[in-house]
Amino acid sequence: MTEPAGAPRDIGSVLVINVSRIGDTLLATPALRALARAFPRAELTCLAHPKRVEVLEHLPFLSSVAGIDKRAAMLRGRLARRRHDLALVYGFDRALVEYALRVSNRVVAFGQGDAALDARLAPAVAEPAAFSRHAVFMRLALLEPLGIAPAGLRLAYQVTDAERDRARQALGALRGGATPLVGLQVASFPTKRFRDWPIEHFGALAARMRSRWPGVHFLIFGGGEEKARTAWLAQQLGSAATSFAGRLSLRESAALMSQMRLFVGVDTGPTHIMGCFDIPLVAMYHCHSPSRLLGALEHPCFYPVDHPHPHPCPEETPMSAIGVDAVFAVVERALLEHPPGA
């Protein structure tokens, strides 16, 4: 393979630091894949937020993954010899950049806004303007000075055989013959509540779906933060739903999600995970962050539902403007084009 333009020679070890939430961790996986293809003989290590490392586990193009945060970064690498030939750092945390400089021969990061720190980067890359391109391309921009081209734009998540088997066993205990199995992600994380579709709308959508497909069974996903919303919906749906909200680890939830025949959710981390599976995905996007900026790329059955208000818009613009009829029409299309038994 021809060495990427601008890249150092004899690359044996590459470090990537990306301390972020679930969705932002996944959005960097196309960049990780591109690095692996560009340096096929290199050991590729990714350090992520300690609570997000599991998102990257078992990816075939990563040699190892581990957790790091800014507190740990301040203490690590001070006595170790430089080990990595190249490091890339996402984000704007000085402690993480300083750590990468201690353990790597060359560090590439977006400009940190500190002239002295930026002078130690090789190079300090100009961050693309906000909302100027899809989030995947925002992260691929860090590779451009190295002359590394994308190796696919699809997000990556790997379910193991053992996880898949356990998920199928768990689903086997549900109401026999339920079809289709539909996953619901009803809330984003607390700092992005403006992305949440009203829970009453989810209830009305589910009612429409039960009329159209009497055998449908819903699996409700989510964390402890949205307990009130998921509990209300589970009560409304009764025996037609099973709530796993707050009961599973991230990887257990992802394994179950990989067995769905349809997934309907708001724009958040688990919805990005669904972007890694070839399963019909109906996702709703706020006008502040539309699907053209955050939607699933290269997905064979992705059905985005964008807010009717044009981008950009204030965060307080209500998601209730996306009507139940509009989402149900997309759900019908998704299941017509990808029948549950296919």
Protein backbone atom coordinates (compact mmCIF):
# COMPACT_ATOMS: atom_id res chain seq x y z
CA MET A 1 0.00 0.00 0.00
CA THR A 2 1.25 3.49 -0.84
CA GLU A 3 2.15 5.51 2.21
CA PRO A 4 -0.41 8.29 2.85
CA ALA A 5 0.84 11.72 1.86
CA GLY A 6 2.07 13.73 4.83
CA ALA A 7 2.24 10.68 7.10
CA PRO A 8 5.45 9.73 8.92
CA ARG A 9 7.32 6.66 7.76
CA ASP A 10 7.65 3.36 9.59
CA ILE A 11 4.40 3.65 11.50
CA GLY A 12 4.23 0.80 13.98
CA SER A 13 1.91 2.24 16.61
CA VAL A 14 -0.99 4.69 16.35
CA LEU A 15 -2.87 6.14 19.31
CA VAL A 16 -6.30 7.78 19.06
CA ILE A 17 -7.84 9.58 22.03
CA ASN A 18 -11.56 10.29 21.85
CA VAL A 19 -13.18 10.97 25.21
CA SER A 20 -16.85 11.60 24.48
CA ARG A 21 -20.39 10.28 24.74
CA ILE A 22 -21.74 7.16 23.00
CA GLY A 23 -22.77 8.86 19.80
CA ASP A 24 -19.59 10.91 19.42
CA THR A 25 -17.51 7.80 20.13
CA LEU A 26 -19.28 5.94 17.33
CA LEU A 27 -19.07 8.88 14.93
CA ALA A 28 -15.28 8.58 15.04
CA THR A 29 -15.24 4.89 14.03
CA PRO A 30 -15.02 5.66 10.28
CA ALA A 31 -11.86 7.65 11.05
CA LEU A 32 -10.48 4.71 13.04
CA ARG A 33 -11.23 2.37 10.14
CA ALA A 34 -9.46 4.72 7.73
CA LEU A 35 -6.38 4.79 9.96
CA ALA A 36 -6.33 1.00 10.13
CA ARG A 37 -6.43 0.74 6.35
CA ALA A 38 -3.77 3.42 5.91
CA PHE A 39 -1.39 1.69 8.35
CA PRO A 40 -2.24 -2.01 8.06
CA ARG A 41 0.86 -3.16 9.97
CA ALA A 42 0.45 -0.70 12.84
CA GLU A 43 -0.96 -1.42 16.28
CA LEU A 44 -3.99 0.86 16.58
CA THR A 45 -4.99 1.78 20.14
CA CYS A 46 -8.01 3.87 21.05
CA LEU A 47 -8.52 5.50 24.45
CA ALA A 48 -12.08 6.53 25.22
CA HIS A 49 -14.17 7.66 28.16
CA PRO A 50 -14.10 4.86 30.77
CA LYS A 51 -17.89 4.47 30.49
CA ARG A 52 -17.80 4.36 26.66
CA VAL A 53 -14.91 1.96 26.05
CA GLU A 54 -17.33 -0.95 25.64
CA VAL A 55 -18.74 0.74 22.54
CA LEU A 56 -15.41 0.03 20.81
CA GLU A 57 -14.80 -3.48 22.10
CA HIS A 58 -14.32 -6.26 19.51
CA LEU A 59 -13.98 -3.92 16.52
CA PRO A 60 -11.75 -5.87 14.13
CA PHE A 61 -9.65 -2.88 13.06
CA LEU A 62 -8.61 -1.91 16.62
CA SER A 63 -5.70 -3.64 18.36
CA SER A 64 -6.72 -2.50 21.83
CA VAL A 65 -9.08 -0.15 23.66
CA ALA A 66 -8.91 1.32 27.14
CA GLY A 67 -10.35 4.12 29.24
CA ILE A 68 -8.90 7.50 30.06
CA ASP A 69 -10.14 10.79 31.45
CA LYS A 70 -8.49 14.14 32.01
CA ARG A 71 -7.63 13.36 35.63
CA ALA A 72 -5.89 10.11 34.75
CA ALA A 73 -4.22 11.76 31.76
CA MET A 74 -2.53 14.32 34.00
CA LEU A 75 -0.72 11.53 35.85
CA ARG A 76 -0.01 9.04 33.08
CA GLY A 77 2.94 8.81 30.73
CA ARG A 78 5.39 10.94 32.71
CA LEU A 79 7.97 8.21 33.23
CA ALA A 80 7.30 6.08 30.15
CA ARG A 81 9.38 6.30 27.01
CA ARG A 82 7.59 7.55 23.90
CA ARG A 83 5.87 4.52 22.45
CA HIS A 84 3.47 5.65 19.74
CA ASP A 85 4.70 6.82 16.37
CA LEU A 86 1.56 8.85 15.77
CA ALA A 87 -1.32 10.07 17.94
CA LEU A 88 -4.58 11.80 17.07
CA VAL A 89 -6.60 13.57 19.75
CA TYR A 90 -10.26 14.56 19.41
CA GLY A 91 -11.70 17.32 21.53
CA PHE A 92 -10.25 20.30 23.32
CA ASP A 93 -9.05 19.01 26.65
CA ARG A 94 -5.51 20.17 27.33
CA ALA A 95 -4.75 17.28 29.69
CA LEU A 96 -5.48 14.72 26.95
CA VAL A 97 -3.37 16.56 24.39
CA GLU A 98 -0.48 16.90 26.85
CA TYR A 99 -0.67 13.18 27.58
CA ALA A 100 -0.53 12.35 23.88
CA LEU A 101 2.52 14.60 23.50
CA ARG A 102 4.27 12.74 26.32
CA VAL A 103 3.73 9.28 24.84
CA SER A 104 3.89 9.92 21.08
CA ASN A 105 6.45 11.10 18.57
CA ARG A 106 3.90 13.10 16.62
CA VAL A 107 0.48 14.40 17.67
CA VAL A 108 -2.30 15.64 15.39
CA ALA A 109 -5.25 17.50 16.89
CA PHE A 110 -7.59 20.33 16.13
CA GLY A 111 -6.21 23.72 17.12
CA GLN A 112 -6.59 24.11 20.87
CA GLY A 113 -6.68 27.91 20.97
CA ASP A 114 -3.34 28.05 22.78
CA ALA A 115 -0.45 29.19 20.57
CA ALA A 116 2.22 27.44 22.65
CA LEU A 117 0.33 24.15 22.75
CA ASP A 118 -0.63 24.33 19.07
CA ALA A 119 3.04 24.85 18.15
CA ARG A 120 3.79 21.38 19.57
CA LEU A 121 1.19 19.72 17.36
CA ALA A 122 2.12 18.39 13.93
CA PRO A 123 -0.12 19.84 12.76
CA ALA A 124 -2.74 21.80 14.66
CA VAL A 125 -5.64 21.24 12.27
CA ALA A 126 -8.24 23.93 11.63
CA GLU A 127 -11.57 22.58 12.87
CA PRO A 128 -14.30 22.74 10.20
CA ALA A 129 -16.96 25.35 10.86
CA ALA A 130 -19.90 24.15 12.95
CA PHE A 131 -22.70 22.57 10.89
CA SER A 132 -20.58 22.79 7.74
CA ARG A 133 -20.50 19.03 7.15
CA HIS A 134 -21.78 15.73 8.52
CA ALA A 135 -20.40 14.76 11.93
CA VAL A 136 -18.51 11.81 10.41
CA PHE A 137 -16.69 14.14 8.02
CA MET A 138 -15.99 16.53 10.89
CA ARG A 139 -13.96 13.74 12.49
CA LEU A 140 -12.38 12.60 9.23
CA ALA A 141 -11.07 16.15 8.84
CA LEU A 142 -8.36 15.34 11.40
CA LEU A 143 -6.93 12.79 8.94
CA GLU A 144 -6.83 15.11 5.94
CA PRO A 145 -3.36 16.59 6.65
CA LEU A 146 -2.03 13.02 6.65
CA GLY A 147 -3.50 12.36 3.22
CA ILE A 148 -5.67 9.54 4.56
CA ALA A 149 -8.89 8.98 2.62
CA PRO A 150 -12.07 7.51 4.12
CA ALA A 151 -12.45 3.72 4.13
CA GLY A 152 -16.25 3.80 4.33
CA LEU A 153 -18.59 6.11 6.18
CA ARG A 154 -20.67 3.55 8.08
CA LEU A 155 -20.45 3.61 11.86
CA ALA A 156 -19.06 0.44 13.43
CA TYR A 157 -20.19 -1.64 16.39
CA GLN A 158 -19.53 -5.37 16.86
CA VAL A 159 -21.91 -7.76 18.64
CA THR A 160 -20.19 -10.99 19.67
CA ASP A 161 -21.65 -14.43 19.00
CA ALA A 162 -22.11 -15.00 22.73
CA GLU A 163 -23.95 -11.69 23.15
CA ARG A 164 -26.20 -12.50 20.20
CA ASP A 165 -27.03 -15.93 21.62
CA ARG A 166 -27.96 -14.47 25.01
CA ALA A 167 -30.13 -11.85 23.34
CA ARG A 168 -32.01 -14.49 21.36
CA GLN A 169 -32.58 -16.51 24.51
CA ALA A 170 -33.97 -13.44 26.27
CA LEU A 171 -36.29 -12.69 23.35
CA GLY A 172 -37.44 -16.31 23.26
CA ALA A 173 -39.01 -15.77 26.67
CA LEU A 174 -41.29 -13.04 25.33
CA ARG A 175 -44.82 -13.56 24.09
CA GLY A 176 -44.57 -16.38 21.54
CA GLY A 177 -44.91 -15.48 17.89
CA ALA A 178 -44.75 -11.71 18.40
CA THR A 179 -43.97 -10.00 15.13
CA PRO A 180 -42.61 -7.60 14.27
CA LEU A 181 -40.31 -6.91 17.21
CA VAL A 182 -39.92 -3.12 17.37
CA GLY A 183 -37.35 -1.30 19.47
CA LEU A 184 -38.18 2.13 20.91
CA GLN A 185 -35.67 4.71 22.12
CA VAL A 186 -37.85 7.42 23.62
CA ALA A 187 -35.32 9.90 25.04
CA SER A 188 -31.97 11.50 24.43
CA PHE A 189 -29.50 12.25 27.23
CA PRO A 190 -30.28 14.99 29.80
CA THR A 191 -28.32 17.81 28.15
CA LYS A 192 -30.09 17.21 24.81
CA ARG A 193 -33.70 16.98 25.96
CA PHE A 194 -34.77 19.28 23.14
CA ARG A 195 -34.36 16.22 20.85
CA ASP A 196 -37.05 14.25 22.71
CA TRP A 197 -40.28 13.49 20.91
CA PRO A 198 -43.29 13.77 23.27
CA ILE A 199 -43.88 10.48 25.05
CA GLU A 200 -47.60 10.80 24.28
CA HIS A 201 -46.66 10.79 20.60
CA PHE A 202 -44.80 7.51 21.11
CA GLY A 203 -47.92 6.12 22.76
CA ALA A 204 -50.13 7.22 19.87
CA LEU A 205 -47.67 5.83 17.33
CA ALA A 206 -47.60 2.48 19.11
CA ALA A 207 -51.40 2.38 19.15
CA ARG A 208 -51.47 2.99 15.39
CA MET A 209 -48.93 0.24 14.86
CA ARG A 210 -50.91 -2.23 16.99
CA SER A 211 -53.95 -1.59 14.81
CA ARG A 212 -51.93 -2.13 11.66
CA TRP A 213 -49.87 -5.09 12.93
CA PRO A 214 -51.79 -6.81 15.77
CA GLY A 215 -48.88 -9.10 16.59
CA VAL A 216 -46.38 -6.31 17.15
CA HIS A 217 -44.32 -6.36 20.34
CA PHE A 218 -42.34 -3.36 21.54
CA LEU A 219 -39.04 -3.39 23.39
CA ILE A 220 -38.48 -0.15 25.28
CA PHE A 221 -34.85 0.88 25.73
CA GLY A 222 -33.32 3.66 27.79
CA GLY A 223 -31.44 4.52 30.95
CA GLY A 224 -32.41 5.52 34.44
CA GLU A 225 -32.65 9.21 33.51
CA GLU A 226 -35.83 8.65 31.49
CA LYS A 227 -37.49 6.26 33.93
CA ALA A 228 -40.73 8.25 34.16
CA ARG A 229 -41.13 8.33 30.36
CA THR A 230 -40.36 4.65 29.81
CA ALA A 231 -42.54 3.56 32.73
CA TRP A 232 -45.50 5.57 31.40
CA LEU A 233 -45.16 4.08 27.93
CA ALA A 234 -44.80 0.53 29.27
CA GLN A 235 -47.97 0.98 31.30
CA GLN A 236 -49.85 2.28 28.27
CA LEU A 237 -48.78 -0.65 26.10
CA GLY A 238 -49.30 -3.37 28.70
CA SER A 239 -48.66 -6.88 27.40
CA ALA A 240 -47.66 -5.51 23.98
CA ALA A 241 -44.37 -4.22 25.39
CA THR A 242 -41.37 -5.27 27.42
CA SER A 243 -39.33 -2.55 29.05
CA PHE A 244 -35.58 -3.05 29.37
CA ALA A 245 -34.98 0.57 30.35
CA GLY A 246 -32.42 0.81 33.12
CA ARG A 247 -32.09 -3.00 33.37
CA LEU A 248 -29.24 -3.78 30.98
CA SER A 249 -25.66 -2.84 30.26
CA LEU A 250 -24.92 -0.97 27.08
CA ARG A 251 -23.65 -4.10 25.33
CA GLU A 252 -26.62 -6.17 26.48
CA SER A 253 -28.98 -3.53 25.12
CA ALA A 254 -27.09 -3.37 21.82
CA ALA A 255 -27.27 -7.15 21.41
CA LEU A 256 -31.05 -7.06 21.87
CA MET A 257 -31.33 -4.12 19.51
CA SER A 258 -29.49 -6.10 16.84
CA GLN A 259 -32.40 -8.60 16.85
CA MET A 260 -35.15 -6.07 16.17
CA ARG A 261 -37.11 -5.96 12.92
CA LEU A 262 -37.60 -2.19 13.23
CA PHE A 263 -36.22 0.51 15.47
CA VAL A 264 -37.87 3.87 16.14
CA GLY A 265 -35.97 6.44 18.14
CA VAL A 266 -34.84 9.97 18.73
CA ASP A 267 -31.36 11.20 17.89
CA THR A 268 -29.10 9.80 20.61
CA GLY A 269 -26.38 7.21 21.30
CA PRO A 270 -28.43 3.99 20.98
CA THR A 271 -29.87 5.26 17.70
CA HIS A 272 -26.30 5.66 16.42
CA ILE A 273 -25.65 2.05 17.47
CA MET A 274 -28.65 1.01 15.36
CA GLY A 275 -26.97 2.76 12.47
CA CYS A 276 -24.43 -0.07 12.54
CA PHE A 277 -27.01 -2.82 11.92
CA ASP A 278 -28.82 -3.64 8.68
CA ILE A 279 -32.22 -3.19 10.33
CA PRO A 280 -34.88 -0.64 9.31
CA LEU A 281 -34.17 2.47 11.33
CA VAL A 282 -36.71 5.28 11.74
CA ALA A 283 -35.04 8.19 13.51
CA MET A 284 -36.41 11.63 14.37
CA TYR A 285 -34.19 14.71 14.16
CA HIS A 286 -34.54 18.16 15.67
CA CYS A 287 -34.03 21.09 13.31
CA HIS A 288 -31.00 22.17 15.36
CA SER A 289 -29.22 18.94 14.33
CA PRO A 290 -30.92 17.50 11.22
CA SER A 291 -30.27 14.11 9.65
CA ARG A 292 -27.96 15.59 7.01
CA LEU A 293 -25.55 16.33 9.86
CA LEU A 294 -26.09 13.32 12.13
CA GLY A 295 -28.02 10.67 10.20
CA ALA A 296 -26.79 7.15 9.47
CA LEU A 297 -24.51 7.09 6.42
CA GLU A 298 -24.28 4.17 3.99
CA HIS A 299 -27.15 2.45 5.81
CA PRO A 300 -29.30 0.21 3.56
CA CYS A 301 -32.60 0.92 5.32
CA PHE A 302 -32.38 4.29 7.06
CA TYR A 303 -35.59 6.33 7.26
CA PRO A 304 -34.98 9.77 8.78
CA VAL A 305 -37.85 12.00 9.90
CA ASP A 306 -36.65 15.59 10.03
CA HIS A 307 -38.30 18.42 11.91
CA PRO A 308 -40.44 20.55 9.55
CA HIS A 309 -38.68 23.75 10.68
CA PRO A 310 -35.58 24.49 8.60
CA HIS A 311 -32.07 24.34 10.00
CA PRO A 312 -30.74 26.23 11.86
CA CYS A 313 -33.32 26.72 14.59
CA PRO A 314 -33.32 27.42 18.34
CA GLU A 315 -33.05 24.42 20.65
CA GLU A 316 -36.38 25.35 22.23
CA THR A 317 -38.22 24.66 18.96
CA PRO A 318 -40.60 21.85 20.05
CA MET A 319 -40.24 18.34 18.65
CA SER A 320 -44.02 18.01 18.86
CA ALA A 321 -44.07 19.64 15.41
CA ILE A 322 -43.19 16.20 14.05
CA GLY A 323 -46.64 14.63 13.91
CA VAL A 324 -47.61 11.05 14.65
CA ASP A 325 -49.06 10.68 11.15
CA ALA A 326 -45.74 11.63 9.56
CA VAL A 327 -43.79 9.09 11.60
CA PHE A 328 -46.37 6.34 11.09
CA ALA A 329 -46.22 6.87 7.32
CA VAL A 330 -42.44 6.35 7.43
CA VAL A 331 -42.84 3.26 9.64
CA GLU A 332 -45.32 1.81 7.14
CA ARG A 333 -42.92 2.45 4.29
CA ALA A 334 -40.01 0.89 6.19
CA LEU A 335 -41.91 -2.33 6.94
CA LEU A 336 -43.36 -2.48 3.44
CA GLU A 337 -39.93 -2.23 1.86
CA HIS A 338 -38.35 -4.54 4.46
CA PRO A 339 -41.02 -7.02 5.60
CA PRO A 340 -40.40 -8.58 9.03
CA GLY A 341 -40.19 -12.10 7.61
CA ALA A 342 -37.68 -11.22 4.90
